[in-house]
Amino acid sequence: MSSPRPSVSGRSSDLARSARALSVVLGLFSAISTLAIAFGYVAKWASFGTYHPYPQAEYFFVTALVALLALIEDGLALRRSDRIRVVGMPATAGLILITGIWSSISFFEPGYLLLAAGAIGVAAGLFAVLGSWRRVALGAAALLSAIPISIVLGVIQLLLRRGYPD
C-alpha cells in the first residue's frame, strides 16, 4: 500500500511554514550579528585613543541607529506573520544593507560586516514575503522604501558631521 499524496493546499501550507522558519532563523542571525556590529562600533571608538577622526555625535548617531535597527529586526523576526512583519523585515534589512554599503564605501571596517548582516536580513525579509504570495508587491515596496529613508538618515549624519568644526 502506498501512502496518500499530500494535497496542493497541504504543500502550500508546508511551504509557508518552511519560509517562516527560514525567515525567523535568518532574521535572528542578522539581528544578533547587527547588534554585535553596533558593539564593534563602540569598541572601534575606544581604540582610537585621544584623537578621534569622527565627530562624537555623528559616530554615536550611527551606532545608535545600527543598534536600533538590530532590535527592530529582532522583534520583527519573532513576530507572527502579518503585514507589519512583511513590510518591516525587508525595510529594516534594506536600511542595514544600505548603511553597510555606505560604511564599506568609506572603508570603515565594521561596515563590511554590516553589509553581510544586511544581506542576510534581506534574505530573511524575502522568506517573510514568500510565506504569503499575495504580499510580494508589499515586501518589494518596503525594500525600496529603505532608499529614501537612508537618504534622510545620511543627511542627518552629514548635518551632525558639519555641526562640529575640525
N, C-alpha and C. Protein backbone atom coordinates (compact mmCIF):
# COMPACT_ATOMS: atom_id res chain seq x y z
N MET A 1 0.82 -1.18 0.00
CA MET A 1 0.00 0.00 0.00
C MET A 1 0.87 1.24 0.00
N SER A 2 0.48 2.18 -0.78
CA SER A 2 1.24 3.43 -0.83
C SER A 2 0.58 4.47 0.05
N SER A 3 1.39 5.39 0.52
CA SER A 3 0.84 6.45 1.36
C SER A 3 0.18 7.50 0.47
N PRO A 4 -0.86 8.13 0.97
CA PRO A 4 -1.54 9.14 0.15
C PRO A 4 -0.65 10.36 -0.05
N ARG A 5 -0.77 10.93 -1.24
CA ARG A 5 -0.01 12.14 -1.54
C ARG A 5 -0.66 13.34 -0.87
N PRO A 6 0.15 14.29 -0.41
CA PRO A 6 -0.45 15.47 0.21
C PRO A 6 -1.17 16.31 -0.84
N SER A 7 -2.19 16.98 -0.39
CA SER A 7 -2.94 17.84 -1.31
C SER A 7 -2.13 19.08 -1.64
N VAL A 8 -2.59 19.80 -2.64
CA VAL A 8 -1.89 21.02 -3.05
C VAL A 8 -1.89 22.03 -1.92
N SER A 9 -3.01 22.15 -1.21
CA SER A 9 -3.07 23.11 -0.11
C SER A 9 -2.15 22.69 1.03
N GLY A 10 -1.95 21.38 1.22
CA GLY A 10 -1.02 20.91 2.24
C GLY A 10 0.41 21.27 1.91
N ARG A 11 0.77 21.16 0.63
CA ARG A 11 2.12 21.55 0.21
C ARG A 11 2.32 23.05 0.36
N SER A 12 1.28 23.80 0.05
CA SER A 12 1.36 25.25 0.18
C SER A 12 1.55 25.65 1.63
N SER A 13 0.83 24.96 2.52
CA SER A 13 0.96 25.24 3.94
C SER A 13 2.35 24.88 4.45
N ASP A 14 2.89 23.75 3.97
CA ASP A 14 4.25 23.36 4.35
C ASP A 14 5.27 24.37 3.85
N LEU A 15 5.06 24.87 2.64
CA LEU A 15 5.96 25.89 2.09
C LEU A 15 5.93 27.16 2.92
N ALA A 16 4.74 27.57 3.34
CA ALA A 16 4.61 28.77 4.16
C ALA A 16 5.30 28.58 5.51
N ARG A 17 5.13 27.40 6.12
CA ARG A 17 5.79 27.14 7.41
C ARG A 17 7.31 27.11 7.26
N SER A 18 7.79 26.51 6.19
CA SER A 18 9.24 26.45 5.95
C SER A 18 9.80 27.84 5.69
N ALA A 19 9.08 28.64 4.91
CA ALA A 19 9.52 30.01 4.64
C ALA A 19 9.56 30.82 5.92
N ARG A 20 8.56 30.65 6.78
CA ARG A 20 8.54 31.38 8.05
C ARG A 20 9.69 30.95 8.94
N ALA A 21 9.95 29.65 9.01
CA ALA A 21 11.06 29.16 9.84
C ALA A 21 12.39 29.70 9.35
N LEU A 22 12.62 29.68 8.05
CA LEU A 22 13.85 30.25 7.50
C LEU A 22 13.94 31.74 7.76
N SER A 23 12.80 32.42 7.65
CA SER A 23 12.78 33.86 7.90
C SER A 23 13.14 34.17 9.35
N VAL A 24 12.61 33.39 10.27
CA VAL A 24 12.91 33.61 11.70
C VAL A 24 14.38 33.36 11.97
N VAL A 25 14.91 32.25 11.48
CA VAL A 25 16.32 31.91 11.74
C VAL A 25 17.25 32.96 11.14
N LEU A 26 17.03 33.30 9.87
CA LEU A 26 17.89 34.29 9.22
C LEU A 26 17.72 35.67 9.84
N GLY A 27 16.49 36.02 10.20
CA GLY A 27 16.24 37.32 10.83
C GLY A 27 16.93 37.44 12.18
N LEU A 28 16.85 36.39 12.99
CA LEU A 28 17.53 36.42 14.29
C LEU A 28 19.04 36.45 14.13
N PHE A 29 19.57 35.69 13.17
CA PHE A 29 21.01 35.70 12.93
C PHE A 29 21.46 37.09 12.50
N SER A 30 20.70 37.71 11.60
CA SER A 30 21.05 39.05 11.14
C SER A 30 20.94 40.07 12.28
N ALA A 31 19.89 39.95 13.10
CA ALA A 31 19.71 40.89 14.20
C ALA A 31 20.83 40.77 15.23
N ILE A 32 21.19 39.54 15.59
CA ILE A 32 22.26 39.34 16.56
C ILE A 32 23.59 39.81 15.99
N SER A 33 23.82 39.53 14.72
CA SER A 33 25.05 40.00 14.06
C SER A 33 25.11 41.52 14.02
N THR A 34 23.98 42.14 13.71
CA THR A 34 23.94 43.60 13.63
C THR A 34 24.17 44.22 15.00
N LEU A 35 23.59 43.63 16.04
CA LEU A 35 23.82 44.14 17.39
C LEU A 35 25.28 43.97 17.80
N ALA A 36 25.90 42.87 17.42
CA ALA A 36 27.33 42.67 17.69
C ALA A 36 28.16 43.71 16.95
N ILE A 37 27.73 44.08 15.76
CA ILE A 37 28.45 45.10 14.99
C ILE A 37 28.32 46.45 15.66
N ALA A 38 27.15 46.74 16.25
CA ALA A 38 26.99 48.00 16.99
C ALA A 38 27.97 48.05 18.16
N PHE A 39 28.15 46.92 18.84
CA PHE A 39 29.15 46.86 19.91
C PHE A 39 30.56 47.01 19.32
N GLY A 40 30.75 46.51 18.11
CA GLY A 40 32.03 46.69 17.41
C GLY A 40 32.31 48.16 17.12
N TYR A 41 31.26 48.91 16.80
CA TYR A 41 31.41 50.35 16.59
C TYR A 41 31.93 51.01 17.87
N VAL A 42 31.36 50.62 19.01
CA VAL A 42 31.80 51.19 20.29
C VAL A 42 33.24 50.79 20.58
N ALA A 43 33.60 49.54 20.32
CA ALA A 43 34.98 49.08 20.53
C ALA A 43 35.94 49.82 19.61
N LYS A 44 35.51 50.08 18.39
CA LYS A 44 36.34 50.82 17.44
C LYS A 44 36.58 52.24 17.96
N TRP A 45 35.55 52.86 18.53
CA TRP A 45 35.69 54.21 19.08
C TRP A 45 36.70 54.21 20.23
N ALA A 46 36.62 53.19 21.07
CA ALA A 46 37.54 53.10 22.20
C ALA A 46 38.98 52.88 21.75
N SER A 47 39.16 52.29 20.57
CA SER A 47 40.51 52.01 20.09
C SER A 47 41.19 53.23 19.47
N PHE A 48 40.45 54.30 19.23
CA PHE A 48 41.04 55.47 18.59
C PHE A 48 42.03 56.20 19.49
N GLY A 49 41.90 56.06 20.79
CA GLY A 49 42.80 56.79 21.68
C GLY A 49 42.29 58.20 21.91
N THR A 50 43.23 59.14 22.04
CA THR A 50 42.85 60.52 22.34
C THR A 50 42.22 61.21 21.14
N TYR A 51 42.82 61.06 20.00
CA TYR A 51 42.31 61.73 18.80
C TYR A 51 41.26 60.84 18.13
N HIS A 52 40.08 61.39 17.93
CA HIS A 52 39.00 60.67 17.25
C HIS A 52 38.79 61.31 15.88
N PRO A 53 38.92 60.54 14.81
CA PRO A 53 38.80 61.11 13.47
C PRO A 53 37.37 61.45 13.07
N TYR A 54 36.39 61.09 13.89
CA TYR A 54 34.98 61.35 13.58
C TYR A 54 34.38 62.17 14.71
N PRO A 55 33.43 63.06 14.41
CA PRO A 55 32.73 63.75 15.49
C PRO A 55 31.95 62.74 16.34
N GLN A 56 31.97 62.96 17.63
CA GLN A 56 31.34 62.01 18.55
C GLN A 56 29.84 61.89 18.29
N ALA A 57 29.16 63.01 18.04
CA ALA A 57 27.72 62.96 17.81
C ALA A 57 27.38 62.14 16.57
N GLU A 58 28.14 62.34 15.50
CA GLU A 58 27.90 61.59 14.27
C GLU A 58 28.16 60.10 14.49
N TYR A 59 29.26 59.79 15.12
CA TYR A 59 29.66 58.39 15.32
C TYR A 59 28.62 57.64 16.14
N PHE A 60 28.19 58.25 17.24
CA PHE A 60 27.24 57.55 18.10
C PHE A 60 25.81 57.61 17.56
N PHE A 61 25.51 58.55 16.66
CA PHE A 61 24.24 58.52 15.94
C PHE A 61 24.18 57.26 15.08
N VAL A 62 25.25 56.99 14.36
CA VAL A 62 25.29 55.80 13.51
C VAL A 62 25.27 54.54 14.39
N THR A 63 25.99 54.55 15.49
CA THR A 63 26.00 53.40 16.39
C THR A 63 24.61 53.13 16.96
N ALA A 64 23.93 54.19 17.41
CA ALA A 64 22.57 54.03 17.94
C ALA A 64 21.61 53.58 16.85
N LEU A 65 21.79 54.09 15.63
CA LEU A 65 20.95 53.67 14.51
C LEU A 65 21.12 52.18 14.24
N VAL A 66 22.34 51.72 14.20
CA VAL A 66 22.61 50.30 13.94
C VAL A 66 22.02 49.43 15.05
N ALA A 67 22.19 49.84 16.30
CA ALA A 67 21.63 49.06 17.42
C ALA A 67 20.10 49.05 17.37
N LEU A 68 19.50 50.19 17.05
CA LEU A 68 18.04 50.26 16.95
C LEU A 68 17.52 49.37 15.83
N LEU A 69 18.20 49.40 14.68
CA LEU A 69 17.79 48.54 13.57
C LEU A 69 17.90 47.07 13.95
N ALA A 70 18.93 46.71 14.71
CA ALA A 70 19.09 45.32 15.16
C ALA A 70 17.93 44.91 16.07
N LEU A 71 17.55 45.79 16.98
CA LEU A 71 16.45 45.46 17.89
C LEU A 71 15.12 45.37 17.16
N ILE A 72 14.91 46.27 16.19
CA ILE A 72 13.68 46.21 15.39
C ILE A 72 13.64 44.91 14.58
N GLU A 73 14.77 44.56 13.98
CA GLU A 73 14.81 43.34 13.18
C GLU A 73 14.57 42.10 14.05
N ASP A 74 15.09 42.11 15.26
CA ASP A 74 14.86 41.01 16.19
C ASP A 74 13.38 40.89 16.52
N GLY A 75 12.76 42.01 16.83
CA GLY A 75 11.33 41.99 17.14
C GLY A 75 10.48 41.53 15.97
N LEU A 76 10.85 41.97 14.77
CA LEU A 76 10.09 41.56 13.58
C LEU A 76 10.29 40.09 13.25
N ALA A 77 11.49 39.58 13.49
CA ALA A 77 11.76 38.16 13.20
C ALA A 77 10.91 37.25 14.09
N LEU A 78 10.67 37.68 15.31
CA LEU A 78 9.89 36.86 16.24
C LEU A 78 8.39 37.12 16.17
N ARG A 79 7.99 38.11 15.41
CA ARG A 79 6.57 38.47 15.29
C ARG A 79 5.84 37.44 14.42
N ARG A 80 4.54 37.29 14.69
CA ARG A 80 3.75 36.39 13.85
C ARG A 80 3.68 36.95 12.43
N SER A 81 3.39 36.12 11.48
CA SER A 81 3.33 36.55 10.08
C SER A 81 2.11 37.44 9.85
N ASP A 82 2.35 38.69 9.61
CA ASP A 82 1.29 39.63 9.28
C ASP A 82 1.88 40.72 8.40
N ARG A 83 1.08 41.72 8.09
CA ARG A 83 1.54 42.77 7.19
C ARG A 83 2.69 43.58 7.77
N ILE A 84 2.67 43.83 9.06
CA ILE A 84 3.75 44.61 9.67
C ILE A 84 5.07 43.87 9.51
N ARG A 85 5.06 42.57 9.70
CA ARG A 85 6.29 41.78 9.53
C ARG A 85 6.74 41.77 8.08
N VAL A 86 5.79 41.61 7.16
CA VAL A 86 6.12 41.56 5.73
C VAL A 86 6.68 42.88 5.25
N VAL A 87 6.19 43.99 5.78
CA VAL A 87 6.71 45.31 5.39
C VAL A 87 7.97 45.63 6.18
N GLY A 88 7.98 45.32 7.46
CA GLY A 88 9.07 45.74 8.32
C GLY A 88 10.39 45.02 8.09
N MET A 89 10.33 43.72 7.85
CA MET A 89 11.59 42.97 7.69
C MET A 89 12.39 43.42 6.47
N PRO A 90 11.79 43.52 5.28
CA PRO A 90 12.59 43.99 4.13
C PRO A 90 13.06 45.44 4.29
N ALA A 91 12.21 46.30 4.87
CA ALA A 91 12.60 47.70 5.03
C ALA A 91 13.76 47.84 6.02
N THR A 92 13.67 47.16 7.15
CA THR A 92 14.74 47.22 8.15
C THR A 92 16.03 46.62 7.62
N ALA A 93 15.93 45.48 6.98
CA ALA A 93 17.13 44.85 6.41
C ALA A 93 17.72 45.70 5.30
N GLY A 94 16.86 46.35 4.53
CA GLY A 94 17.34 47.25 3.48
C GLY A 94 18.12 48.41 4.06
N LEU A 95 17.64 48.96 5.18
CA LEU A 95 18.38 50.05 5.84
C LEU A 95 19.73 49.56 6.36
N ILE A 96 19.76 48.37 6.93
CA ILE A 96 21.03 47.82 7.41
C ILE A 96 21.98 47.61 6.24
N LEU A 97 21.46 47.08 5.14
CA LEU A 97 22.28 46.84 3.95
C LEU A 97 22.83 48.14 3.39
N ILE A 98 22.00 49.16 3.28
CA ILE A 98 22.46 50.45 2.74
C ILE A 98 23.46 51.10 3.68
N THR A 99 23.24 51.00 4.99
CA THR A 99 24.21 51.53 5.95
C THR A 99 25.54 50.81 5.80
N GLY A 100 25.49 49.50 5.59
CA GLY A 100 26.71 48.73 5.35
C GLY A 100 27.41 49.13 4.06
N ILE A 101 26.62 49.41 3.03
CA ILE A 101 27.21 49.84 1.76
C ILE A 101 27.95 51.16 1.94
N TRP A 102 27.30 52.13 2.59
CA TRP A 102 27.95 53.44 2.77
C TRP A 102 29.17 53.34 3.68
N SER A 103 29.09 52.51 4.71
CA SER A 103 30.26 52.33 5.59
C SER A 103 31.39 51.65 4.84
N SER A 104 31.06 50.70 3.98
CA SER A 104 32.09 50.00 3.20
C SER A 104 32.73 50.91 2.18
N ILE A 105 31.92 51.78 1.58
CA ILE A 105 32.47 52.72 0.59
C ILE A 105 33.50 53.64 1.24
N SER A 106 33.24 54.01 2.49
CA SER A 106 34.20 54.88 3.19
C SER A 106 35.29 54.07 3.89
N PHE A 107 35.40 52.78 3.58
CA PHE A 107 36.45 51.89 4.10
C PHE A 107 36.45 51.79 5.62
N PHE A 108 35.26 51.81 6.21
CA PHE A 108 35.13 51.64 7.66
C PHE A 108 34.90 50.16 7.92
N GLU A 109 35.83 49.53 8.64
CA GLU A 109 35.86 48.07 8.76
C GLU A 109 34.56 47.44 9.24
N PRO A 110 33.90 47.96 10.29
CA PRO A 110 32.64 47.32 10.70
C PRO A 110 31.56 47.37 9.61
N GLY A 111 31.72 48.27 8.66
CA GLY A 111 30.75 48.37 7.57
C GLY A 111 30.70 47.14 6.70
N TYR A 112 31.85 46.47 6.53
CA TYR A 112 31.86 45.25 5.74
C TYR A 112 31.02 44.16 6.41
N LEU A 113 31.11 44.07 7.71
CA LEU A 113 30.30 43.10 8.45
C LEU A 113 28.82 43.49 8.41
N LEU A 114 28.57 44.79 8.47
CA LEU A 114 27.19 45.28 8.40
C LEU A 114 26.58 44.98 7.04
N LEU A 115 27.38 45.05 6.02
CA LEU A 115 26.94 44.71 4.67
C LEU A 115 26.48 43.25 4.61
N ALA A 116 27.26 42.36 5.19
CA ALA A 116 26.89 40.94 5.21
C ALA A 116 25.64 40.70 6.05
N ALA A 117 25.56 41.34 7.22
CA ALA A 117 24.37 41.17 8.07
C ALA A 117 23.13 41.71 7.37
N GLY A 118 23.27 42.81 6.65
CA GLY A 118 22.14 43.36 5.90
C GLY A 118 21.69 42.43 4.79
N ALA A 119 22.64 41.81 4.12
CA ALA A 119 22.29 40.86 3.05
C ALA A 119 21.55 39.65 3.62
N ILE A 120 21.98 39.17 4.77
CA ILE A 120 21.28 38.05 5.42
C ILE A 120 19.88 38.50 5.84
N GLY A 121 19.77 39.74 6.33
CA GLY A 121 18.46 40.27 6.70
C GLY A 121 17.53 40.42 5.51
N VAL A 122 18.08 40.81 4.35
CA VAL A 122 17.25 40.90 3.14
C VAL A 122 16.75 39.51 2.75
N ALA A 123 17.61 38.50 2.90
CA ALA A 123 17.16 37.12 2.64
C ALA A 123 16.05 36.72 3.61
N ALA A 124 16.17 37.12 4.87
CA ALA A 124 15.11 36.83 5.85
C ALA A 124 13.82 37.54 5.45
N GLY A 125 13.95 38.79 5.00
CA GLY A 125 12.77 39.52 4.54
C GLY A 125 12.13 38.87 3.32
N LEU A 126 12.97 38.33 2.44
CA LEU A 126 12.45 37.63 1.27
C LEU A 126 11.64 36.40 1.69
N PHE A 127 12.15 35.65 2.64
CA PHE A 127 11.41 34.48 3.11
C PHE A 127 10.15 34.89 3.88
N ALA A 128 10.17 36.05 4.55
CA ALA A 128 8.96 36.53 5.21
C ALA A 128 7.88 36.84 4.19
N VAL A 129 8.29 37.40 3.06
CA VAL A 129 7.34 37.71 1.99
C VAL A 129 6.84 36.43 1.33
N LEU A 130 7.72 35.44 1.16
CA LEU A 130 7.34 34.20 0.49
C LEU A 130 6.33 33.39 1.29
N GLY A 131 6.21 33.67 2.56
CA GLY A 131 5.21 32.97 3.35
C GLY A 131 3.80 33.29 2.90
N SER A 132 3.61 34.40 2.23
CA SER A 132 2.31 34.80 1.71
C SER A 132 2.52 35.42 0.33
N TRP A 133 2.15 34.71 -0.70
CA TRP A 133 2.40 35.16 -2.07
C TRP A 133 1.67 36.46 -2.40
N ARG A 134 0.58 36.73 -1.71
CA ARG A 134 -0.18 37.94 -2.02
C ARG A 134 0.55 39.20 -1.58
N ARG A 135 1.56 39.06 -0.76
CA ARG A 135 2.24 40.23 -0.20
C ARG A 135 3.59 40.51 -0.84
N VAL A 136 3.87 39.91 -1.98
CA VAL A 136 5.17 40.10 -2.64
C VAL A 136 5.37 41.56 -3.03
N ALA A 137 4.35 42.18 -3.62
CA ALA A 137 4.46 43.59 -4.02
C ALA A 137 4.66 44.49 -2.80
N LEU A 138 3.99 44.17 -1.72
CA LEU A 138 4.13 44.94 -0.48
C LEU A 138 5.55 44.84 0.07
N GLY A 139 6.12 43.65 0.04
CA GLY A 139 7.50 43.47 0.50
C GLY A 139 8.51 44.16 -0.39
N ALA A 140 8.27 44.14 -1.71
CA ALA A 140 9.18 44.82 -2.64
C ALA A 140 9.12 46.33 -2.43
N ALA A 141 7.93 46.86 -2.21
CA ALA A 141 7.80 48.30 -1.95
C ALA A 141 8.49 48.68 -0.64
N ALA A 142 8.40 47.81 0.35
CA ALA A 142 9.06 48.07 1.63
C ALA A 142 10.57 48.09 1.48
N LEU A 143 11.10 47.16 0.69
CA LEU A 143 12.54 47.13 0.45
C LEU A 143 13.00 48.40 -0.26
N LEU A 144 12.23 48.85 -1.23
CA LEU A 144 12.57 50.09 -1.94
C LEU A 144 12.41 51.32 -1.05
N SER A 145 11.53 51.24 -0.05
CA SER A 145 11.35 52.39 0.85
C SER A 145 12.59 52.65 1.69
N ALA A 146 13.48 51.68 1.79
CA ALA A 146 14.71 51.88 2.56
C ALA A 146 15.60 52.93 1.91
N ILE A 147 15.48 53.12 0.60
CA ILE A 147 16.35 54.07 -0.10
C ILE A 147 16.09 55.51 0.34
N PRO A 148 14.84 56.04 0.26
CA PRO A 148 14.66 57.42 0.72
C PRO A 148 14.89 57.60 2.22
N ILE A 149 14.56 56.58 3.01
CA ILE A 149 14.81 56.68 4.45
C ILE A 149 16.30 56.78 4.72
N SER A 150 17.10 56.00 4.01
CA SER A 150 18.55 56.05 4.22
C SER A 150 19.12 57.38 3.75
N ILE A 151 18.52 57.99 2.74
CA ILE A 151 18.98 59.31 2.29
C ILE A 151 18.74 60.34 3.39
N VAL A 152 17.56 60.30 4.00
CA VAL A 152 17.26 61.23 5.10
C VAL A 152 18.22 61.00 6.27
N LEU A 153 18.46 59.74 6.62
CA LEU A 153 19.40 59.45 7.71
C LEU A 153 20.82 59.90 7.35
N GLY A 154 21.20 59.78 6.08
CA GLY A 154 22.50 60.26 5.63
C GLY A 154 22.62 61.77 5.75
N VAL A 155 21.54 62.49 5.46
CA VAL A 155 21.55 63.95 5.60
C VAL A 155 21.70 64.33 7.07
N ILE A 156 21.00 63.62 7.95
CA ILE A 156 21.14 63.88 9.40
C ILE A 156 22.57 63.63 9.84
N GLN A 157 23.16 62.54 9.36
CA GLN A 157 24.55 62.24 9.70
C GLN A 157 25.48 63.34 9.19
N LEU A 158 25.25 63.82 7.99
CA LEU A 158 26.07 64.89 7.43
C LEU A 158 25.92 66.18 8.23
N LEU A 159 24.70 66.49 8.66
CA LEU A 159 24.48 67.67 9.50
C LEU A 159 25.21 67.54 10.83
N LEU A 160 25.21 66.35 11.40
CA LEU A 160 25.95 66.15 12.65
C LEU A 160 27.45 66.30 12.43
N ARG A 161 27.93 65.87 11.28
CA ARG A 161 29.36 66.00 10.98
C ARG A 161 29.74 67.46 10.77
N ARG A 162 28.92 68.20 10.06
CA ARG A 162 29.23 69.61 9.76
C ARG A 162 29.01 70.52 10.95
N GLY A 163 28.23 70.05 11.91
CA GLY A 163 27.93 70.89 13.06
C GLY A 163 29.10 71.09 13.99
N TYR A 164 30.15 70.33 13.81
CA TYR A 164 31.32 70.42 14.68
C TYR A 164 32.53 70.79 13.84
N PRO A 165 33.13 71.95 14.13
CA PRO A 165 34.31 72.36 13.34
C PRO A 165 35.50 71.45 13.61
N ASP A 166 36.33 71.32 12.58
CA ASP A 166 37.53 70.48 12.72
C ASP A 166 38.58 71.13 13.57
